[in-house]
């Protein structure tokens, strides 16, 4: 019983950690004033003209930010997330999104009931590797003792989609489609965006935008999202239990995110997330863990359906 309980808790926590780490970063922002310049801007004269044109129009400005950040392909990530008494966590690493989600994050629980559960498993930190078709969570030695010496759990996205209810489809969507401009898309969809003003973020000049998202009343007329994109976004938010969110983003002179703060109400309580991005365009090199050191989530679920 003890062995089964340890494995079941580990499988569930690893899934939640890796998903939350990505979700927290999905509107993320850039660390450090090292600024990363990369892939979103071109010619100085054209850019200056574009800035002058969109400066007075937050929607037009955010459309430019959404495109520039999407084209940047990769960035270093640093984030903190709190969900009521359930958890407080930190994530640090680098992610790419040019061809599905790839990259590596170190995820550490710093508080809440999940941190307590992780301590019982012998660690409060895990490594998450994201590849286009699956992600991998590296757990502690206690898990290895209960799983034939294997330290990693593999979660194939197609297997996640087969989970009961909508949660599996939501997790698959998040894992495969997360990019750092999701917060921008949310602001565009909300129809409630305002330019707060110029501010410094870790020494870098930025423009601060803010808005509130009401999931029950997402607007389409002010955004650049198609009806299908808007419906999909609303579905994902509802599946995640989100009802309302306030979103603040800070954008640098390259039209790239450098900071994001989200605060919201979930079905399970309050949530807050702060994220930073740096070094846009950083090279991402993520390898699949050794097969001999990896347990498959699907196989574990067959022996532990309650997980």
Protein backbone atom coordinates (compact mmCIF):
# COMPACT_ATOMS: atom_id res chain seq x y z
CA UNK A 1 0.00 0.00 0.00
CA UNK A 2 2.79 2.36 0.87
CA UNK A 3 4.49 1.69 -2.46
CA UNK A 4 1.30 2.33 -4.41
CA UNK A 5 0.54 5.52 -2.47
CA UNK A 6 4.02 6.92 -3.11
CA UNK A 7 3.84 6.19 -6.83
CA UNK A 8 0.29 7.52 -7.15
CA UNK A 9 1.15 10.79 -5.39
CA UNK A 10 4.30 11.20 -7.46
CA UNK A 11 2.52 10.65 -10.78
CA UNK A 12 -0.19 13.19 -9.93
CA UNK A 13 2.17 15.83 -8.53
CA UNK A 14 4.58 15.52 -11.45
CA UNK A 15 1.71 16.07 -13.88
CA UNK A 16 0.42 19.10 -11.99
CA UNK A 17 3.88 20.60 -11.62
CA UNK A 18 4.83 20.33 -15.28
CA UNK A 19 1.46 21.65 -16.46
CA UNK A 20 1.44 24.55 -13.99
CA UNK A 21 5.00 25.44 -14.87
CA UNK A 22 4.03 25.86 -18.50
CA UNK A 23 0.70 27.55 -17.80
CA UNK A 24 2.41 30.05 -15.51
CA UNK A 25 4.87 30.91 -18.26
CA UNK A 26 2.36 31.00 -21.06
CA UNK A 27 2.14 34.73 -20.96
CA UNK A 28 5.53 35.05 -19.57
CA UNK A 29 7.99 37.64 -19.73
CA UNK A 30 11.52 38.34 -19.89
CA UNK A 31 14.02 38.24 -17.18
CA UNK A 32 16.79 40.52 -16.75
CA UNK A 33 17.71 43.63 -18.53
CA UNK A 34 19.88 41.68 -20.87
CA UNK A 35 17.08 42.23 -23.21
CA UNK A 36 16.71 39.96 -25.70
CA UNK A 37 16.36 41.08 -28.91
CA UNK A 38 15.40 38.61 -31.42
CA UNK A 39 13.11 37.76 -34.03
CA UNK A 40 10.29 40.17 -33.95
CA UNK A 41 11.50 43.43 -35.26
CA UNK A 42 13.03 44.62 -38.44
CA UNK A 43 14.21 47.90 -39.92
CA UNK A 44 14.57 50.88 -37.62
CA UNK A 45 12.70 53.35 -39.81
CA UNK A 46 9.74 51.07 -40.38
CA UNK A 47 9.66 50.21 -36.71
CA UNK A 48 9.66 53.86 -35.64
CA UNK A 49 6.82 54.62 -38.02
CA UNK A 50 4.89 51.63 -36.76
CA UNK A 51 5.41 52.70 -33.16
CA UNK A 52 4.11 56.17 -33.86
CA UNK A 53 1.09 54.69 -35.56
CA UNK A 54 0.13 52.26 -32.81
CA UNK A 55 1.23 54.13 -29.70
CA UNK A 56 -2.18 55.67 -29.11
CA UNK A 57 -4.02 52.44 -29.83
CA UNK A 58 -3.44 49.65 -27.27
CA UNK A 59 -5.17 47.04 -29.43
CA UNK A 60 -2.98 47.78 -32.46
CA UNK A 61 0.12 47.80 -30.24
CA UNK A 62 -0.75 44.45 -28.70
CA UNK A 63 -1.34 42.90 -32.10
CA UNK A 64 2.23 43.84 -32.96
CA UNK A 65 3.48 42.42 -29.64
CA UNK A 66 1.59 39.17 -30.20
CA UNK A 67 3.19 38.68 -33.62
CA UNK A 68 6.71 39.70 -32.56
CA UNK A 69 6.77 37.44 -29.52
CA UNK A 70 5.39 34.50 -31.46
CA UNK A 71 8.13 34.90 -34.09
CA UNK A 72 10.89 35.08 -31.45
CA UNK A 73 10.74 31.27 -31.16
CA UNK A 74 12.39 30.85 -27.73
CA UNK A 75 13.37 32.56 -24.47
CA UNK A 76 14.70 31.99 -20.99
CA UNK A 77 11.91 31.83 -18.42
CA UNK A 78 11.59 32.65 -14.74
CA UNK A 79 8.23 32.51 -12.96
CA UNK A 80 6.49 32.26 -9.61
CA UNK A 81 2.93 31.00 -9.10
CA UNK A 82 0.62 30.79 -6.10
CA UNK A 83 -2.74 29.01 -5.92
CA UNK A 84 -4.32 29.61 -2.54
CA UNK A 85 -3.21 27.09 0.05
CA UNK A 86 -2.71 24.39 -2.58
CA UNK A 87 0.71 25.47 -3.73
CA UNK A 88 3.41 28.04 -4.28
CA UNK A 89 5.99 27.21 -6.91
CA UNK A 90 8.89 28.58 -8.92
CA UNK A 91 9.98 27.65 -12.44
CA UNK A 92 13.25 28.47 -14.13
CA UNK A 93 14.67 27.43 -17.49
CA UNK A 94 14.22 27.98 -21.22
CA UNK A 95 11.39 27.15 -23.62
CA UNK A 96 11.00 27.18 -27.40
CA UNK A 97 7.78 27.24 -29.41
CA UNK A 98 8.77 27.29 -33.10
CA UNK A 99 7.67 23.68 -33.69
CA UNK A 100 5.64 22.61 -30.69
CA UNK A 101 6.75 23.21 -27.14
CA UNK A 102 10.33 22.25 -26.31
CA UNK A 103 12.70 23.05 -23.47
CA UNK A 104 13.59 22.35 -19.87
CA UNK A 105 12.30 23.84 -16.61
CA UNK A 106 13.36 23.26 -13.03
CA UNK A 107 10.16 23.38 -10.98
CA UNK A 108 10.34 23.86 -7.22
CA UNK A 109 7.44 23.81 -4.76
CA UNK A 110 7.98 26.44 -2.07
CA UNK A 111 4.72 26.21 -0.14
CA UNK A 112 1.22 24.78 0.13
CA UNK A 113 -0.07 21.27 0.46
CA UNK A 114 1.73 20.09 -2.67
CA UNK A 115 5.09 21.15 -1.19
CA UNK A 116 4.24 19.09 1.89
CA UNK A 117 3.45 16.09 -0.32
CA UNK A 118 6.68 16.54 -2.26
CA UNK A 119 8.69 16.59 0.98
CA UNK A 120 7.16 13.23 1.85
CA UNK A 121 8.48 12.01 -1.49
CA UNK A 122 11.98 13.16 -0.56
CA UNK A 123 12.23 16.26 -2.77
CA UNK A 124 10.56 19.61 -3.42
CA UNK A 125 12.07 20.06 -6.88
CA UNK A 126 11.75 18.30 -10.23
CA UNK A 127 13.12 18.70 -13.73
CA UNK A 128 10.59 18.87 -16.56
CA UNK A 129 11.63 18.31 -20.17
CA UNK A 130 9.19 19.30 -22.89
CA UNK A 131 9.31 17.70 -26.34
CA UNK A 132 6.81 18.04 -29.23
CA UNK A 133 4.97 14.80 -28.46
CA UNK A 134 5.53 14.30 -24.72
CA UNK A 135 6.99 15.76 -21.56
CA UNK A 136 9.15 14.06 -18.96
CA UNK A 137 9.28 14.64 -15.20
CA UNK A 138 12.36 13.63 -13.22
CA UNK A 139 11.45 12.58 -9.69
CA UNK A 140 13.47 11.66 -6.63
CA UNK A 141 15.06 8.45 -5.45
CA UNK A 142 11.97 7.46 -3.48
CA UNK A 143 9.97 7.21 -6.68
CA UNK A 144 12.79 5.21 -8.27
CA UNK A 145 12.66 2.77 -5.36
CA UNK A 146 9.01 2.09 -6.18
CA UNK A 147 9.36 1.97 -9.97
CA UNK A 148 12.16 -0.46 -10.71
CA UNK A 149 14.90 2.12 -10.35
CA UNK A 150 13.40 4.54 -12.89
CA UNK A 151 13.64 8.27 -12.11
CA UNK A 152 11.63 9.74 -14.99
CA UNK A 153 7.91 9.67 -15.85
CA UNK A 154 6.89 10.08 -19.49
CA UNK A 155 3.58 11.80 -20.28
CA UNK A 156 2.68 11.42 -23.97
CA UNK A 157 0.27 14.16 -24.97
CA UNK A 158 -2.08 11.77 -26.74
CA UNK A 159 -2.31 9.75 -23.52
CA UNK A 160 -3.12 12.90 -21.55
CA UNK A 161 -5.96 13.63 -23.97
CA UNK A 162 -7.49 10.25 -23.15
CA UNK A 163 -7.97 11.15 -19.48
CA UNK A 164 -11.56 11.33 -18.25
CA UNK A 165 -13.44 14.57 -18.70
CA UNK A 166 -12.03 17.75 -20.21
CA UNK A 167 -8.93 17.96 -18.07
CA UNK A 168 -6.90 15.69 -20.33
CA UNK A 169 -7.74 17.65 -23.46
CA UNK A 170 -6.91 20.87 -21.62
CA UNK A 171 -3.51 19.52 -20.55
CA UNK A 172 -2.72 18.35 -24.07
CA UNK A 173 -3.66 21.76 -25.47
CA UNK A 174 -1.51 23.55 -22.91
CA UNK A 175 1.50 21.31 -23.41
CA UNK A 176 1.45 21.43 -27.20
CA UNK A 177 0.26 24.95 -27.91
CA UNK A 178 1.65 27.14 -25.16
CA UNK A 179 3.56 30.19 -26.37
CA UNK A 180 4.67 33.22 -24.36
CA UNK A 181 2.10 35.49 -25.97
CA UNK A 182 -1.00 33.87 -24.49
CA UNK A 183 -1.49 36.78 -22.11
CA UNK A 184 -1.46 39.17 -25.06
CA UNK A 185 -4.10 37.08 -26.79
CA UNK A 186 -6.19 37.12 -23.63
CA UNK A 187 -6.00 40.91 -23.45
CA UNK A 188 -6.98 41.19 -27.11
CA UNK A 189 -9.91 38.85 -26.53
CA UNK A 190 -11.05 40.67 -23.43
CA UNK A 191 -11.92 43.92 -25.19
CA UNK A 192 -10.71 45.66 -22.01
CA UNK A 193 -7.17 46.93 -22.53
CA UNK A 194 -5.53 50.14 -21.43
CA UNK A 195 -2.05 51.56 -21.76
CA UNK A 196 -0.78 52.33 -18.27
CA UNK A 197 2.44 54.05 -19.32
CA UNK A 198 6.21 53.81 -19.57
CA UNK A 199 7.99 51.93 -16.77
CA UNK A 200 11.37 50.37 -16.04
CA UNK A 201 11.54 46.59 -15.58
CA UNK A 202 14.89 45.37 -14.30
CA UNK A 203 16.58 48.33 -15.90
CA UNK A 204 14.86 47.99 -19.25
CA UNK A 205 12.49 50.55 -20.79
CA UNK A 206 9.02 49.08 -21.21
CA UNK A 207 5.41 50.00 -21.85
CA UNK A 208 2.86 48.68 -19.35
CA UNK A 209 -0.57 47.46 -20.51
CA UNK A 210 -3.38 46.18 -18.31
CA UNK A 211 -6.79 44.60 -18.67
CA UNK A 212 -9.40 42.32 -17.14
CA UNK A 213 -10.65 39.09 -18.67
CA UNK A 214 -14.15 37.91 -17.87
CA UNK A 215 -14.34 34.39 -19.23
CA UNK A 216 -18.13 34.48 -19.38
CA UNK A 217 -18.03 37.56 -21.60
CA UNK A 218 -14.96 37.40 -23.83
CA UNK A 219 -15.24 40.00 -26.55
CA UNK A 220 -14.41 39.30 -30.17
CA UNK A 221 -15.01 42.55 -31.97
CA UNK A 222 -11.92 44.30 -30.60
CA UNK A 223 -9.48 41.44 -31.04
CA UNK A 224 -7.58 39.91 -33.94
CA UNK A 225 -8.76 36.42 -32.98
CA UNK A 226 -11.03 34.36 -35.20
CA UNK A 227 -14.32 33.06 -33.85
CA UNK A 228 -12.80 29.58 -33.59
CA UNK A 229 -9.72 30.87 -31.73
CA UNK A 230 -11.91 32.82 -29.33
CA UNK A 231 -14.18 29.82 -28.68
CA UNK A 232 -11.14 27.58 -28.12
CA UNK A 233 -9.58 30.03 -25.67
CA UNK A 234 -12.84 30.32 -23.73
CA UNK A 235 -13.15 26.54 -23.59
CA UNK A 236 -9.61 26.14 -22.25
CA UNK A 237 -10.17 28.76 -19.56
CA UNK A 238 -13.42 27.18 -18.48
CA UNK A 239 -11.77 23.76 -18.31
CA UNK A 240 -9.08 25.25 -16.10
CA UNK A 241 -11.73 26.66 -13.77
CA UNK A 242 -10.87 30.30 -14.54
CA UNK A 243 -13.68 32.82 -14.07
CA UNK A 244 -11.93 36.21 -14.15
CA UNK A 245 -8.34 37.37 -14.56
CA UNK A 246 -6.52 40.67 -14.39
CA UNK A 247 -3.51 40.75 -16.67
CA UNK A 248 -0.63 43.21 -16.71
CA UNK A 249 2.15 42.98 -19.25
CA UNK A 250 5.29 45.00 -19.84
CA UNK A 251 6.67 45.21 -23.39
CA UNK A 252 10.13 46.36 -24.50
CA UNK A 253 11.13 48.44 -27.52
CA UNK A 254 11.40 45.29 -29.62
CA UNK A 255 7.69 44.55 -29.06
CA UNK A 256 8.63 41.58 -26.86
CA UNK A 257 7.21 40.74 -23.45
CA UNK A 258 9.52 41.37 -20.50
CA UNK A 259 7.12 40.91 -17.63
CA UNK A 260 3.68 39.48 -16.97
CA UNK A 261 1.49 39.43 -13.89
CA UNK A 262 -1.79 37.50 -13.83
CA UNK A 263 -4.20 37.39 -10.92
CA UNK A 264 -7.42 35.48 -11.10
CA UNK A 265 -10.21 33.53 -9.51
CA UNK A 266 -10.35 29.81 -10.16
CA UNK A 267 -13.04 27.37 -9.20
CA UNK A 268 -10.68 26.28 -6.40
CA UNK A 269 -9.61 29.72 -5.13
CA UNK A 270 -7.35 32.64 -5.98
CA UNK A 271 -4.31 32.46 -8.25
CA UNK A 272 -1.41 34.80 -8.96
CA UNK A 273 1.47 34.37 -11.38
CA UNK A 274 4.45 36.55 -12.24
CA UNK A 275 6.79 35.66 -15.08
CA UNK A 276 9.83 37.10 -16.81
CA UNK A 277 11.52 36.31 -20.14
CA UNK A 278 15.06 37.05 -21.28
CA UNK A 279 17.40 36.15 -24.11
CA UNK A 280 14.80 35.75 -26.83
CA UNK A 281 16.11 33.48 -29.53
CA UNK A 282 18.20 31.38 -27.14
CA UNK A 283 19.16 27.97 -28.50
CA UNK A 284 16.99 25.17 -27.11
CA UNK A 285 18.46 21.69 -26.90
CA UNK A 286 16.31 19.16 -25.06
CA UNK A 287 16.97 15.43 -25.11
CA UNK A 288 14.63 12.59 -24.34
CA UNK A 289 15.69 10.86 -21.08
CA UNK A 290 17.11 7.34 -21.31
CA UNK A 291 14.36 4.79 -21.94
CA UNK A 292 15.80 2.49 -19.29
CA UNK A 293 15.39 5.20 -16.67
CA UNK A 294 11.84 6.16 -17.70
CA UNK A 295 8.44 4.88 -16.56
CA UNK A 296 5.48 5.51 -18.86
CA UNK A 297 2.56 7.41 -17.37
CA UNK A 298 0.10 5.23 -19.29
CA UNK A 299 1.55 2.07 -17.82
CA UNK A 300 1.43 3.53 -14.32
CA UNK A 301 -2.20 4.53 -14.85
CA UNK A 302 -3.11 0.97 -15.83
CA UNK A 303 -1.89 -0.28 -12.47
CA UNK A 304 -3.11 2.77 -10.55
CA UNK A 305 -6.31 4.04 -12.20
CA UNK A 306 -7.07 6.28 -9.22
CA UNK A 307 -3.98 8.38 -10.00
